[in-house]
């Protein structure tokens, strides 16, 4: 080493940064850019505003218990009815919008254009709403609302948009309040959960008498009824939505998505069975008050979701491994 400086010229700066140094786009900036890329915005949202206004001022075909012309007021009242299990309804539009945002790049890559046959879907929805007014049927008005929205999207952005956005749009079906019609689902679930609780309690050596959907202790320590809320209808809807979103986000195969959705029912029954068994076992040892504590406890109310979450993760991982094996074989 002679101490002389290195006079070799340094390589010129090409002005290109390494991939690691490139800033990742902010989600807000990305959303704004996607918004600018979306065509026919004024056309779609102008018609959407008029469509929603129609159902705000002339949406309710029945002026019975609720003297309002707004279909949205009717839906809000149904969602807040303590005697029904439709409280999840307001969450569905939020979920649908979030999923549309997640699919934004896929949708914007499609050939988007004005598609006049979409207007036929929209007109059909308008005629359906008129028909609902004639027969005074709220379910018809609700169906018309969503069919019209589907037609507007087809009119503004074309058939490719409709095909690729079928999911998540069809999740709007969960925002339709069932009210008393939900007993078609809840009552068989009540009977199934109560029967399974009786059988499993006997296997575990716990004495219980079942009369319909009511569970009694022979010594009179406790008495419970498997009500509609305990039957699993709330957890069934939540678990089905979880399975649907998980299946469509993770998997491309239709049969795997359907398989996960079908599993929502047994997972829901299993979770509520575990919760009812816990209540019965604790009540048999500590009496009605001890069982009531378990029944009303926030953490035990989350028990029905544990088998579903764990089950979906395990089965999802198994399905992912099977996909990897299929790819390696091909």
Protein backbone atom coordinates (compact mmCIF):
# COMPACT_ATOMS: atom_id res chain seq x y z
CA UNK A 1 0.00 0.00 0.00
CA UNK A 2 1.57 3.29 -1.08
CA UNK A 3 -1.21 5.59 0.16
CA UNK A 4 -2.06 6.94 -3.28
CA UNK A 5 -5.77 7.54 -3.90
CA UNK A 6 -7.74 5.36 -6.22
CA UNK A 7 -8.31 7.41 -9.36
CA UNK A 8 -10.52 4.88 -11.13
CA UNK A 9 -13.73 6.57 -12.27
CA UNK A 10 -16.88 5.51 -10.45
CA UNK A 11 -19.66 4.01 -12.56
CA UNK A 12 -22.17 6.56 -13.76
CA UNK A 13 -25.44 6.84 -11.89
CA UNK A 14 -28.04 5.26 -14.08
CA UNK A 15 -30.86 6.83 -12.13
CA UNK A 16 -32.44 3.43 -11.46
CA UNK A 17 -33.00 2.42 -7.86
CA UNK A 18 -32.89 -1.15 -6.71
CA UNK A 19 -36.17 -2.98 -6.23
CA UNK A 20 -35.65 -2.93 -2.48
CA UNK A 21 -35.35 0.87 -2.50
CA UNK A 22 -38.47 1.45 -4.58
CA UNK A 23 -41.27 2.69 -2.37
CA UNK A 24 -44.34 0.53 -2.15
CA UNK A 25 -47.48 2.37 -3.20
CA UNK A 26 -49.70 3.53 -0.37
CA UNK A 27 -53.12 1.86 -0.32
CA UNK A 28 -54.82 5.24 -0.38
CA UNK A 29 -52.79 6.34 -3.39
CA UNK A 30 -53.50 3.00 -5.06
CA UNK A 31 -57.23 3.43 -4.41
CA UNK A 32 -57.19 6.92 -5.94
CA UNK A 33 -55.36 5.65 -9.02
CA UNK A 34 -57.86 2.81 -9.45
CA UNK A 35 -60.69 5.30 -9.07
CA UNK A 36 -59.26 7.41 -11.90
CA UNK A 37 -58.93 4.32 -14.09
CA UNK A 38 -62.56 3.29 -13.58
CA UNK A 39 -64.57 4.34 -16.66
CA UNK A 40 -68.15 5.65 -16.80
CA UNK A 41 -68.16 6.72 -13.14
CA UNK A 42 -70.55 9.65 -13.55
CA UNK A 43 -72.89 7.51 -15.68
CA UNK A 44 -73.03 4.69 -13.12
CA UNK A 45 -73.19 6.69 -9.90
CA UNK A 46 -75.75 9.10 -11.33
CA UNK A 47 -78.09 6.21 -12.16
CA UNK A 48 -77.25 4.57 -8.82
CA UNK A 49 -78.28 7.71 -6.91
CA UNK A 50 -81.60 7.81 -8.78
CA UNK A 51 -82.14 4.07 -8.15
CA UNK A 52 -81.50 4.39 -4.42
CA UNK A 53 -83.72 7.47 -4.24
CA UNK A 54 -86.56 5.44 -5.75
CA UNK A 55 -86.34 2.93 -2.91
CA UNK A 56 -85.97 5.69 -0.35
CA UNK A 57 -89.17 7.47 -1.34
CA UNK A 58 -91.16 4.69 -3.04
CA UNK A 59 -89.53 1.53 -1.75
CA UNK A 60 -91.95 0.11 0.80
CA UNK A 61 -95.01 -1.49 -0.82
CA UNK A 62 -96.68 -2.15 2.56
CA UNK A 63 -97.79 0.57 4.99
CA UNK A 64 -98.56 -1.73 7.91
CA UNK A 65 -96.59 -1.82 11.14
CA UNK A 66 -94.09 0.69 9.76
CA UNK A 67 -95.71 3.69 8.16
CA UNK A 68 -92.75 4.66 6.00
CA UNK A 69 -92.16 4.87 2.28
CA UNK A 70 -88.47 3.95 2.63
CA UNK A 71 -87.40 0.38 2.05
CA UNK A 72 -84.16 1.17 3.88
CA UNK A 73 -86.12 2.09 7.02
CA UNK A 74 -87.91 -1.25 6.77
CA UNK A 75 -84.59 -3.07 6.49
CA UNK A 76 -83.12 -1.14 9.42
CA UNK A 77 -86.11 -2.02 11.58
CA UNK A 78 -85.77 -5.71 10.66
CA UNK A 79 -82.06 -5.71 11.49
CA UNK A 80 -82.75 -4.25 14.95
CA UNK A 81 -85.65 -6.57 15.77
CA UNK A 82 -84.66 -8.41 19.00
CA UNK A 83 -86.99 -11.31 18.11
CA UNK A 84 -85.19 -12.04 14.84
CA UNK A 85 -81.66 -13.07 13.92
CA UNK A 86 -80.94 -10.54 11.18
CA UNK A 87 -78.55 -8.26 13.07
CA UNK A 88 -75.73 -9.18 10.67
CA UNK A 89 -77.54 -7.47 7.78
CA UNK A 90 -75.84 -4.04 7.97
CA UNK A 91 -72.41 -5.66 7.85
CA UNK A 92 -72.98 -7.30 4.46
CA UNK A 93 -72.70 -4.15 2.27
CA UNK A 94 -69.48 -3.23 4.08
CA UNK A 95 -68.08 -6.71 3.46
CA UNK A 96 -69.09 -6.59 -0.22
CA UNK A 97 -67.42 -3.19 -0.73
CA UNK A 98 -64.21 -4.42 0.94
CA UNK A 99 -64.12 -7.50 -1.29
CA UNK A 100 -64.73 -5.38 -4.40
CA UNK A 101 -61.80 -3.23 -3.32
CA UNK A 102 -59.64 -6.36 -2.95
CA UNK A 103 -60.59 -7.39 -6.53
CA UNK A 104 -60.11 -3.89 -7.95
CA UNK A 105 -57.04 -4.69 -10.09
CA UNK A 106 -58.60 -7.83 -11.49
CA UNK A 107 -61.78 -5.96 -12.40
CA UNK A 108 -59.99 -2.96 -13.91
CA UNK A 109 -57.94 -5.28 -16.13
CA UNK A 110 -61.16 -6.40 -17.87
CA UNK A 111 -62.52 -4.86 -21.08
CA UNK A 112 -64.94 -2.40 -19.48
CA UNK A 113 -67.53 -0.73 -21.70
CA UNK A 114 -71.12 0.39 -21.94
CA UNK A 115 -73.22 -2.74 -22.41
CA UNK A 116 -76.82 -1.97 -23.33
CA UNK A 117 -78.21 -5.47 -22.49
CA UNK A 118 -77.43 -4.54 -18.89
CA UNK A 119 -80.22 -2.00 -19.29
CA UNK A 120 -82.64 -4.88 -19.88
CA UNK A 121 -81.67 -6.33 -16.49
CA UNK A 122 -82.23 -2.91 -14.95
CA UNK A 123 -85.65 -2.50 -16.60
CA UNK A 124 -86.62 -6.01 -15.46
CA UNK A 125 -85.78 -5.01 -11.90
CA UNK A 126 -87.88 -1.87 -12.24
CA UNK A 127 -90.85 -3.92 -13.48
CA UNK A 128 -90.32 -6.37 -10.62
CA UNK A 129 -90.50 -3.50 -8.15
CA UNK A 130 -93.76 -2.29 -9.74
CA UNK A 131 -95.08 -5.83 -9.49
CA UNK A 132 -94.05 -5.91 -5.81
CA UNK A 133 -96.08 -2.76 -5.23
CA UNK A 134 -99.05 -4.36 -6.92
CA UNK A 135 -98.97 -7.54 -4.81
CA UNK A 136 -97.67 -5.63 -1.73
CA UNK A 137 -94.64 -7.85 -1.14
CA UNK A 138 -91.52 -6.49 0.52
CA UNK A 139 -89.28 -9.39 -0.49
CA UNK A 140 -90.00 -8.58 -4.12
CA UNK A 141 -88.94 -4.98 -3.54
CA UNK A 142 -85.70 -6.12 -1.88
CA UNK A 143 -84.96 -8.48 -4.77
CA UNK A 144 -85.65 -5.67 -7.25
CA UNK A 145 -83.21 -3.40 -5.42
CA UNK A 146 -80.30 -5.81 -5.81
CA UNK A 147 -81.18 -6.99 -9.32
CA UNK A 148 -81.32 -3.37 -10.44
CA UNK A 149 -77.91 -2.69 -8.93
CA UNK A 150 -76.56 -5.75 -10.78
CA UNK A 151 -78.06 -4.47 -14.03
CA UNK A 152 -76.56 -1.01 -13.54
CA UNK A 153 -73.08 -2.48 -13.17
CA UNK A 154 -73.58 -4.49 -16.34
CA UNK A 155 -74.86 -1.42 -18.16
CA UNK A 156 -71.88 0.72 -17.11
CA UNK A 157 -69.05 -1.81 -17.29
CA UNK A 158 -70.14 -4.77 -19.39
CA UNK A 159 -70.65 -8.53 -19.11
CA UNK A 160 -67.05 -9.28 -18.11
CA UNK A 161 -67.52 -7.17 -14.97
CA UNK A 162 -70.71 -9.08 -14.11
CA UNK A 163 -69.04 -12.47 -14.52
CA UNK A 164 -65.96 -11.64 -12.47
CA UNK A 165 -67.87 -9.83 -9.73
CA UNK A 166 -70.55 -12.46 -9.17
CA UNK A 167 -68.60 -13.01 -6.01
CA UNK A 168 -68.80 -10.93 -3.86
CA UNK A 169 -72.09 -9.47 -5.15
CA UNK A 170 -74.16 -12.55 -4.32
CA UNK A 171 -73.31 -12.10 -0.63
CA UNK A 172 -76.04 -9.45 -0.60
CA UNK A 173 -78.46 -12.35 -0.18
CA UNK A 174 -77.42 -12.42 3.49
CA UNK A 175 -78.68 -8.88 3.94
CA UNK A 176 -82.26 -9.98 3.18
CA UNK A 177 -84.03 -10.19 6.57
CA UNK A 178 -85.78 -13.50 7.13
CA UNK A 179 -87.78 -12.53 10.20
CA UNK A 180 -90.32 -15.23 11.07
CA UNK A 181 -89.40 -17.11 7.89
CA UNK A 182 -86.09 -17.96 9.55
CA UNK A 183 -87.88 -20.59 11.65
CA UNK A 184 -87.67 -22.87 8.62
CA UNK A 185 -83.94 -23.05 9.39
CA UNK A 186 -83.81 -22.38 13.13
CA UNK A 187 -86.35 -24.93 14.33
CA UNK A 188 -84.63 -27.99 12.78
CA UNK A 189 -81.34 -26.67 14.18
CA UNK A 190 -82.93 -26.31 17.63
CA UNK A 191 -84.11 -29.91 17.52
CA UNK A 192 -80.77 -31.21 16.26
CA UNK A 193 -78.64 -29.36 18.83
CA UNK A 194 -80.93 -30.33 21.73
CA UNK A 195 -80.94 -34.00 20.68
CA UNK A 196 -77.17 -34.08 20.25
CA UNK A 197 -76.69 -32.39 23.62
CA UNK A 198 -78.86 -35.05 25.29
CA UNK A 199 -77.00 -37.93 23.64
CA UNK A 200 -73.53 -36.57 24.35
CA UNK A 201 -74.46 -35.71 27.97
CA UNK A 202 -75.55 -39.32 28.53
CA UNK A 203 -72.27 -40.57 27.05
CA UNK A 204 -70.38 -38.32 29.48
CA UNK A 205 -72.46 -39.62 32.40
CA UNK A 206 -74.54 -36.45 32.91
CA UNK A 207 -78.24 -37.04 33.55
CA UNK A 208 -80.50 -34.86 31.44
CA UNK A 209 -84.09 -35.13 30.25
CA UNK A 210 -85.09 -33.67 26.90
CA UNK A 211 -88.64 -32.60 26.06
CA UNK A 212 -88.69 -31.15 22.57
CA UNK A 213 -86.03 -28.45 22.68
CA UNK A 214 -86.03 -28.19 26.50
CA UNK A 215 -83.35 -29.81 28.67
CA UNK A 216 -84.02 -30.65 32.35
CA UNK A 217 -82.07 -32.09 35.22
CA UNK A 218 -83.91 -35.05 36.85
CA UNK A 219 -83.15 -33.59 40.30
CA UNK A 220 -84.39 -30.13 39.30
CA UNK A 221 -80.99 -28.42 39.42
CA UNK A 222 -81.45 -26.67 36.10
CA UNK A 223 -83.78 -26.21 33.15
CA UNK A 224 -82.78 -24.81 29.77
CA UNK A 225 -84.34 -24.41 26.38
CA UNK A 226 -82.34 -24.49 23.18
CA UNK A 227 -83.75 -21.27 21.79
CA UNK A 228 -83.41 -20.05 18.21
CA UNK A 229 -80.32 -18.02 19.07
CA UNK A 230 -78.70 -21.06 20.74
CA UNK A 231 -79.54 -23.31 17.82
CA UNK A 232 -76.67 -21.87 15.82
CA UNK A 233 -78.40 -19.65 13.24
CA UNK A 234 -76.25 -16.65 14.15
CA UNK A 235 -73.02 -18.61 14.14
CA UNK A 236 -74.16 -20.46 11.00
CA UNK A 237 -74.48 -17.20 9.06
CA UNK A 238 -71.19 -15.87 10.40
CA UNK A 239 -69.34 -19.13 9.75
CA UNK A 240 -70.85 -19.46 6.27
CA UNK A 241 -69.67 -15.96 5.42
CA UNK A 242 -66.23 -16.79 6.80
CA UNK A 243 -66.10 -19.97 4.71
CA UNK A 244 -67.27 -18.13 1.58
CA UNK A 245 -64.73 -15.34 1.88
CA UNK A 246 -61.91 -17.72 2.80
CA UNK A 247 -62.75 -20.09 -0.05
CA UNK A 248 -62.98 -17.41 -2.74
CA UNK A 249 -59.87 -15.55 -1.62
CA UNK A 250 -57.60 -18.58 -1.23
CA UNK A 251 -58.84 -21.07 -3.85
CA UNK A 252 -59.65 -20.89 -7.54
CA UNK A 253 -61.29 -24.30 -7.83
CA UNK A 254 -65.12 -24.10 -7.60
CA UNK A 255 -65.47 -27.48 -5.85
CA UNK A 256 -63.07 -26.45 -3.09
CA UNK A 257 -64.99 -23.25 -2.50
CA UNK A 258 -68.29 -25.12 -2.35
CA UNK A 259 -66.73 -27.74 -0.08
CA UNK A 260 -65.74 -25.10 2.47
CA UNK A 261 -69.19 -23.50 2.33
CA UNK A 262 -70.87 -26.88 2.94
CA UNK A 263 -68.66 -27.40 6.00
CA UNK A 264 -70.14 -24.27 7.61
CA UNK A 265 -73.25 -26.18 8.72
CA UNK A 266 -71.55 -29.05 10.61
CA UNK A 267 -68.98 -26.69 12.11
CA UNK A 268 -71.77 -24.44 13.38
CA UNK A 269 -73.68 -27.36 14.91
CA UNK A 270 -70.48 -28.70 16.51
CA UNK A 271 -69.64 -25.34 18.05
CA UNK A 272 -73.10 -24.85 19.55
CA UNK A 273 -73.13 -28.44 20.77
CA UNK A 274 -69.90 -27.81 22.69
CA UNK A 275 -71.34 -24.66 24.21
CA UNK A 276 -74.59 -26.35 25.30
CA UNK A 277 -72.64 -29.30 26.75
CA UNK A 278 -70.48 -26.93 28.76
CA UNK A 279 -73.58 -25.19 30.14
CA UNK A 280 -75.25 -28.50 31.06
CA UNK A 281 -72.13 -29.96 32.70
CA UNK A 282 -71.45 -26.82 34.75
CA UNK A 283 -75.13 -26.55 35.74
CA UNK A 284 -75.19 -30.21 36.84
CA UNK A 285 -72.30 -29.47 39.20
CA UNK A 286 -73.13 -25.95 40.38
CA UNK A 287 -76.81 -25.49 39.68
CA UNK A 288 -78.78 -23.07 37.53
CA UNK A 289 -76.78 -19.99 38.52
CA UNK A 290 -73.48 -21.61 37.51
CA UNK A 291 -74.94 -22.68 34.19
CA UNK A 292 -76.34 -19.19 33.64
CA UNK A 293 -72.88 -17.73 34.17
CA UNK A 294 -71.48 -19.90 31.39
CA UNK A 295 -74.49 -19.14 29.18
CA UNK A 296 -74.13 -15.37 29.55
CA UNK A 297 -70.33 -15.20 29.56
CA UNK A 298 -68.82 -13.34 26.61
CA UNK A 299 -65.90 -15.71 26.13
CA UNK A 300 -68.00 -18.88 26.15
CA UNK A 301 -70.32 -17.24 23.62
CA UNK A 302 -67.35 -17.28 21.23
CA UNK A 303 -66.95 -21.05 21.61
CA UNK A 304 -69.12 -21.92 18.55
CA UNK A 305 -66.59 -20.16 16.32
CA UNK A 306 -63.53 -22.06 17.57
CA UNK A 307 -64.18 -25.37 15.75
CA UNK A 308 -64.96 -23.47 12.56
CA UNK A 309 -61.83 -21.32 12.60
CA UNK A 310 -59.53 -24.21 13.52
CA UNK A 311 -61.28 -26.54 11.09
CA UNK A 312 -61.11 -24.12 8.17
CA UNK A 313 -57.41 -23.48 8.77
CA UNK A 314 -56.60 -27.20 8.89
CA UNK A 315 -58.76 -28.15 5.92
CA UNK A 316 -57.59 -25.12 3.97
CA UNK A 317 -53.99 -26.10 4.55
CA UNK A 318 -54.78 -29.66 3.43
CA UNK A 319 -56.44 -28.37 0.27
CA UNK A 320 -53.47 -26.11 -0.45
CA UNK A 321 -51.10 -29.07 -0.13
CA UNK A 322 -53.28 -31.11 -2.48
CA UNK A 323 -53.09 -28.25 -5.01
CA UNK A 324 -49.29 -28.23 -4.73
CA UNK A 325 -49.16 -32.00 -5.27
CA UNK A 326 -51.39 -31.68 -8.35
CA UNK A 327 -49.08 -29.02 -9.80
CA UNK A 328 -45.96 -31.09 -9.21
CA UNK A 329 -47.52 -34.12 -10.89
CA UNK A 330 -48.50 -32.11 -13.95
